[in-house]
């Protein structure tokens, strides 16, 4: 049995070596083509083998992208284009979102690890999501996207806290102003689970119940399925489809209609 296993491993190694040899041959040919072309045109660049930086995974038939991190900021930006707040506060969402948003409106960005980002219309400061430094009902336009799932797992240097995410959600609800809008994004799946120390995944109902208990109303729920064949930003998703999801993305638009 062990002999058969060893033979199989050797065959696999030889196959991989053969594939690598073919791959290197392709890039060697391409480099030589470039060198020959350089001999017959203006010498605008230094072209030397010592400067080669091979990227072997990018020659795909389609442009690949992270479905979560492309779709959820696009969802949020479309809502803010509709609500047109005078100023927006973001807690620890992707810097791509707040930096581009600041081209259209003033943005205040807060993170447990503040970002040294310098752009007009954008301020960056430190904040702990479990104890936000804002007055009750003080923020009219607020977002916290793909962040809360990390709170209390230690990944980003924060203290271990099993209920850190729950505390963060309560804080977001506390500081949201009457008639204010909260854009909230977390990973979702068919069950709520901690994948230490990476993140938590939530059943959508768990999120809805926590914020409902804090007096918020769900205005919109959109999700991003794991597979592109199931759609991009899917409104009112089929509950049956959720049963097959382990790491989809849930986008929740909450409002506070009363104090």
Protein backbone atom coordinates (compact mmCIF):
# COMPACT_ATOMS: atom_id res chain seq x y z
CA UNK A 1 0.00 0.00 0.00
CA UNK A 2 2.80 2.41 0.94
CA UNK A 3 4.71 1.49 -2.24
CA UNK A 4 1.67 2.36 -4.39
CA UNK A 5 1.26 5.63 -2.50
CA UNK A 6 4.93 6.51 -2.99
CA UNK A 7 4.75 5.72 -6.70
CA UNK A 8 1.67 7.94 -7.04
CA UNK A 9 3.44 10.79 -5.24
CA UNK A 10 6.50 10.45 -7.49
CA UNK A 11 4.28 10.50 -10.60
CA UNK A 12 2.53 13.64 -9.36
CA UNK A 13 5.86 15.37 -8.68
CA UNK A 14 7.15 14.46 -12.14
CA UNK A 15 3.91 15.70 -13.71
CA UNK A 16 4.15 19.02 -11.86
CA UNK A 17 7.80 19.36 -12.85
CA UNK A 18 6.87 18.73 -16.48
CA UNK A 19 4.11 21.36 -16.30
CA UNK A 20 6.52 23.88 -14.78
CA UNK A 21 9.07 23.19 -17.52
CA UNK A 22 6.47 23.80 -20.22
CA UNK A 23 5.33 26.97 -18.47
CA UNK A 24 8.85 28.34 -18.18
CA UNK A 25 9.38 27.53 -21.85
CA UNK A 26 6.38 29.66 -22.81
CA UNK A 27 7.60 32.65 -20.80
CA UNK A 28 11.14 32.22 -22.10
CA UNK A 29 9.82 32.39 -25.67
CA UNK A 30 7.77 35.49 -24.86
CA UNK A 31 10.74 37.22 -23.26
CA UNK A 32 12.93 36.47 -26.29
CA UNK A 33 10.23 37.89 -28.57
CA UNK A 34 10.24 41.08 -26.53
CA UNK A 35 14.04 41.33 -26.75
CA UNK A 36 13.96 40.96 -30.55
CA UNK A 37 11.21 43.57 -30.86
CA UNK A 38 13.25 45.98 -28.73
CA UNK A 39 16.10 45.76 -31.24
CA UNK A 40 13.90 47.24 -33.96
CA UNK A 41 12.28 50.16 -32.14
CA UNK A 42 13.24 53.05 -29.88
CA UNK A 43 15.15 51.94 -26.79
CA UNK A 44 12.73 53.28 -24.17
CA UNK A 45 13.18 50.71 -21.38
CA UNK A 46 15.86 48.68 -19.65
CA UNK A 47 15.05 45.05 -20.49
CA UNK A 48 17.10 42.50 -18.59
CA UNK A 49 16.53 38.96 -17.28
CA UNK A 50 17.47 40.06 -13.76
CA UNK A 51 14.35 42.26 -13.69
CA UNK A 52 11.91 39.51 -14.63
CA UNK A 53 8.84 39.27 -12.36
CA UNK A 54 6.70 36.38 -13.57
CA UNK A 55 2.94 36.39 -12.96
CA UNK A 56 1.61 33.02 -14.01
CA UNK A 57 -2.05 33.15 -12.90
CA UNK A 58 -3.36 36.18 -14.78
CA UNK A 59 -3.83 34.95 -18.36
CA UNK A 60 -7.48 34.04 -17.80
CA UNK A 61 -10.38 34.20 -20.24
CA UNK A 62 -12.27 36.52 -17.86
CA UNK A 63 -11.14 39.08 -15.28
CA UNK A 64 -11.35 37.49 -11.84
CA UNK A 65 -12.45 39.48 -8.79
CA UNK A 66 -13.44 39.07 -5.16
CA UNK A 67 -17.24 38.95 -5.32
CA UNK A 68 -17.69 40.20 -1.75
CA UNK A 69 -15.37 43.18 -2.02
CA UNK A 70 -16.47 44.35 -5.46
CA UNK A 71 -20.22 44.00 -5.06
CA UNK A 72 -20.83 45.21 -1.50
CA UNK A 73 -19.17 48.66 -1.89
CA UNK A 74 -21.04 49.04 -5.20
CA UNK A 75 -24.29 48.29 -3.37
CA UNK A 76 -23.54 50.84 -0.65
CA UNK A 77 -22.45 53.54 -3.11
CA UNK A 78 -25.72 53.23 -5.00
CA UNK A 79 -27.72 53.72 -1.81
CA UNK A 80 -25.69 56.78 -0.83
CA UNK A 81 -26.22 58.20 -4.33
CA UNK A 82 -29.92 57.90 -3.55
CA UNK A 83 -29.92 59.20 0.05
CA UNK A 84 -27.38 62.00 -0.61
CA UNK A 85 -26.22 62.59 2.99
CA UNK A 86 -24.43 65.84 3.86
CA UNK A 87 -21.75 63.76 5.59
CA UNK A 88 -21.11 60.03 5.97
CA UNK A 89 -19.43 58.08 8.77
CA UNK A 90 -17.81 54.74 8.00
CA UNK A 91 -16.51 52.28 10.58
CA UNK A 92 -13.72 50.04 9.33
CA UNK A 93 -15.04 49.18 5.88
CA UNK A 94 -12.63 48.76 2.98
CA UNK A 95 -10.49 51.84 2.38
CA UNK A 96 -11.33 51.70 -1.32
CA UNK A 97 -14.92 52.55 -0.41
CA UNK A 98 -14.34 55.55 1.84
CA UNK A 99 -11.55 56.98 -0.30
CA UNK A 100 -13.65 57.02 -3.48
CA UNK A 101 -16.78 58.13 -1.65
CA UNK A 102 -14.90 61.17 -0.34
CA UNK A 103 -14.74 62.52 -3.90
CA UNK A 104 -18.49 63.17 -3.66
CA UNK A 105 -19.18 63.92 0.01
CA UNK A 106 -17.35 64.49 3.31
CA UNK A 107 -16.46 61.15 4.93
CA UNK A 108 -15.24 60.39 8.44
CA UNK A 109 -13.51 57.01 8.64
CA UNK A 110 -12.77 55.20 11.91
CA UNK A 111 -10.85 52.00 12.54
CA UNK A 112 -9.38 50.10 15.47
CA UNK A 113 -6.11 50.55 13.58
CA UNK A 114 -6.41 54.05 12.08
CA UNK A 115 -5.34 54.50 8.46
CA UNK A 116 -2.68 57.06 7.49
CA UNK A 117 -4.72 58.11 4.48
CA UNK A 118 -4.59 61.72 3.30
CA UNK A 119 -7.32 62.87 0.93
CA UNK A 120 -9.51 65.95 0.75
CA UNK A 121 -12.99 65.46 2.22
CA UNK A 122 -11.75 62.44 4.22
CA UNK A 123 -10.71 62.28 7.87
CA UNK A 124 -9.34 59.13 9.53
CA UNK A 125 -9.33 58.43 13.24
CA UNK A 126 -9.29 55.58 15.77
CA UNK A 127 -12.39 54.00 17.29
CA UNK A 128 -13.34 50.82 19.13
CA UNK A 129 -16.54 49.37 17.69
CA UNK A 130 -17.53 47.94 21.05
CA UNK A 131 -17.44 51.44 22.60
CA UNK A 132 -17.94 54.07 19.90
CA UNK A 133 -16.99 57.66 20.85
CA UNK A 134 -20.27 59.17 19.63
CA UNK A 135 -23.40 60.47 21.32
CA UNK A 136 -26.64 58.50 21.19
CA UNK A 137 -28.68 59.03 18.00
CA UNK A 138 -26.04 61.35 16.53
CA UNK A 139 -25.11 59.90 13.11
CA UNK A 140 -27.51 60.22 10.19
CA UNK A 141 -25.56 58.19 7.63
CA UNK A 142 -23.45 55.27 8.83
CA UNK A 143 -21.79 52.19 7.34
CA UNK A 144 -19.93 49.22 8.77
CA UNK A 145 -19.23 46.63 6.11
CA UNK A 146 -17.42 43.31 6.30
CA UNK A 147 -16.05 44.29 9.71
CA UNK A 148 -18.18 43.13 12.63
CA UNK A 149 -17.50 39.46 11.88
CA UNK A 150 -13.90 40.02 13.03
CA UNK A 151 -14.58 41.79 16.34
CA UNK A 152 -13.31 39.86 19.36
CA UNK A 153 -11.38 37.17 17.49
CA UNK A 154 -7.95 38.76 17.98
CA UNK A 155 -7.04 38.77 14.30
CA UNK A 156 -6.43 42.51 14.21
CA UNK A 157 -4.97 42.90 17.68
CA UNK A 158 -8.25 43.38 19.52
CA UNK A 159 -8.99 41.49 22.77
CA UNK A 160 -10.76 38.13 22.59
CA UNK A 161 -14.48 38.65 23.15
CA UNK A 162 -17.06 36.03 22.16
CA UNK A 163 -19.79 38.69 22.16
CA UNK A 164 -17.65 41.41 20.58
CA UNK A 165 -19.71 41.38 17.39
CA UNK A 166 -22.97 41.66 19.31
CA UNK A 167 -21.63 44.60 21.31
CA UNK A 168 -20.54 46.27 18.07
CA UNK A 169 -23.99 45.88 16.52
CA UNK A 170 -25.62 47.36 19.61
CA UNK A 171 -23.22 50.32 19.40
CA UNK A 172 -24.05 50.92 15.74
CA UNK A 173 -27.75 50.97 16.59
CA UNK A 174 -27.14 53.28 19.57
CA UNK A 175 -25.37 56.01 17.60
CA UNK A 176 -27.67 55.92 14.56
CA UNK A 177 -29.87 59.02 14.42
CA UNK A 178 -33.65 58.98 14.09
CA UNK A 179 -34.50 58.52 10.41
CA UNK A 180 -30.84 57.64 9.87
CA UNK A 181 -29.47 54.94 7.56
CA UNK A 182 -27.11 52.11 8.49
CA UNK A 183 -25.44 50.07 5.74
CA UNK A 184 -24.24 46.81 7.26
CA UNK A 185 -22.44 43.89 5.60
CA UNK A 186 -21.28 40.52 6.96
CA UNK A 187 -20.62 37.02 5.60
CA UNK A 188 -23.76 34.88 5.63
CA UNK A 189 -24.49 31.19 5.33
CA UNK A 190 -26.92 28.46 6.28
CA UNK A 191 -25.67 28.49 9.88
CA UNK A 192 -23.96 30.92 12.26
CA UNK A 193 -20.39 29.79 12.86
CA UNK A 194 -17.04 31.09 14.13
CA UNK A 195 -14.07 30.23 11.91
CA UNK A 196 -11.34 31.26 14.35
CA UNK A 197 -9.47 33.53 14.00
CA UNK A 198 -10.59 34.57 10.55
CA UNK A 199 -14.20 35.63 10.96
CA UNK A 200 -17.75 34.72 11.86
CA UNK A 201 -20.43 33.72 9.37
CA UNK A 202 -24.07 34.53 10.19
CA UNK A 203 -27.46 33.21 9.32
CA UNK A 204 -29.28 36.30 7.96
CA UNK A 205 -32.05 35.95 10.53
CA UNK A 206 -29.50 36.34 13.35
CA UNK A 207 -28.55 39.80 12.02
CA UNK A 208 -32.17 40.85 11.49
CA UNK A 209 -33.13 39.78 15.02
CA UNK A 210 -30.26 41.61 16.74
CA UNK A 211 -30.97 44.93 15.04
CA UNK A 212 -34.74 44.54 15.40
CA UNK A 213 -34.21 44.15 19.16
CA UNK A 214 -32.31 47.47 19.06
CA UNK A 215 -35.22 49.25 17.40
CA UNK A 216 -33.99 49.28 13.80
CA UNK A 217 -36.11 48.50 10.75
CA UNK A 218 -34.80 46.51 7.79
CA UNK A 219 -35.37 48.51 4.61
CA UNK A 220 -33.44 46.31 2.19
CA UNK A 221 -31.69 42.96 2.19
CA UNK A 222 -29.48 42.05 -0.75
CA UNK A 223 -27.01 39.23 -0.90
CA UNK A 224 -24.05 38.13 -2.96
CA UNK A 225 -24.11 34.35 -3.57
CA UNK A 226 -20.92 32.33 -3.59
CA UNK A 227 -21.36 31.31 -7.22
CA UNK A 228 -21.63 33.83 -10.05
CA UNK A 229 -24.17 31.54 -11.72
CA UNK A 230 -26.59 32.48 -8.91
CA UNK A 231 -26.31 36.20 -9.64
CA UNK A 232 -24.44 39.30 -8.46
CA UNK A 233 -26.45 41.53 -6.12
CA UNK A 234 -29.57 39.44 -5.53
CA UNK A 235 -32.62 41.13 -4.00
CA UNK A 236 -35.12 39.11 -1.96
CA UNK A 237 -33.09 35.90 -2.31
CA UNK A 238 -34.69 32.48 -2.36
CA UNK A 239 -34.41 30.99 1.13
CA UNK A 240 -33.78 27.55 -0.38
CA UNK A 241 -30.64 28.84 -2.09
CA UNK A 242 -29.27 29.92 1.28
CA UNK A 243 -29.19 26.29 2.43
CA UNK A 244 -26.30 25.68 0.02
CA UNK A 245 -24.25 28.71 1.09
CA UNK A 246 -21.35 28.57 3.54
CA UNK A 247 -19.71 31.94 2.81
CA UNK A 248 -21.99 34.28 0.90
CA UNK A 249 -22.28 38.01 1.63
CA UNK A 250 -25.28 39.75 3.18
CA UNK A 251 -25.96 43.47 2.64
CA UNK A 252 -28.46 45.00 5.08
CA UNK A 253 -29.93 48.52 4.93
CA UNK A 254 -31.39 49.45 8.31
CA UNK A 255 -33.19 52.62 9.38
CA UNK A 256 -34.15 54.00 12.79
CA UNK A 257 -37.73 55.19 12.60
CA UNK A 258 -38.21 56.06 16.26
CA UNK A 259 -36.17 56.66 19.42
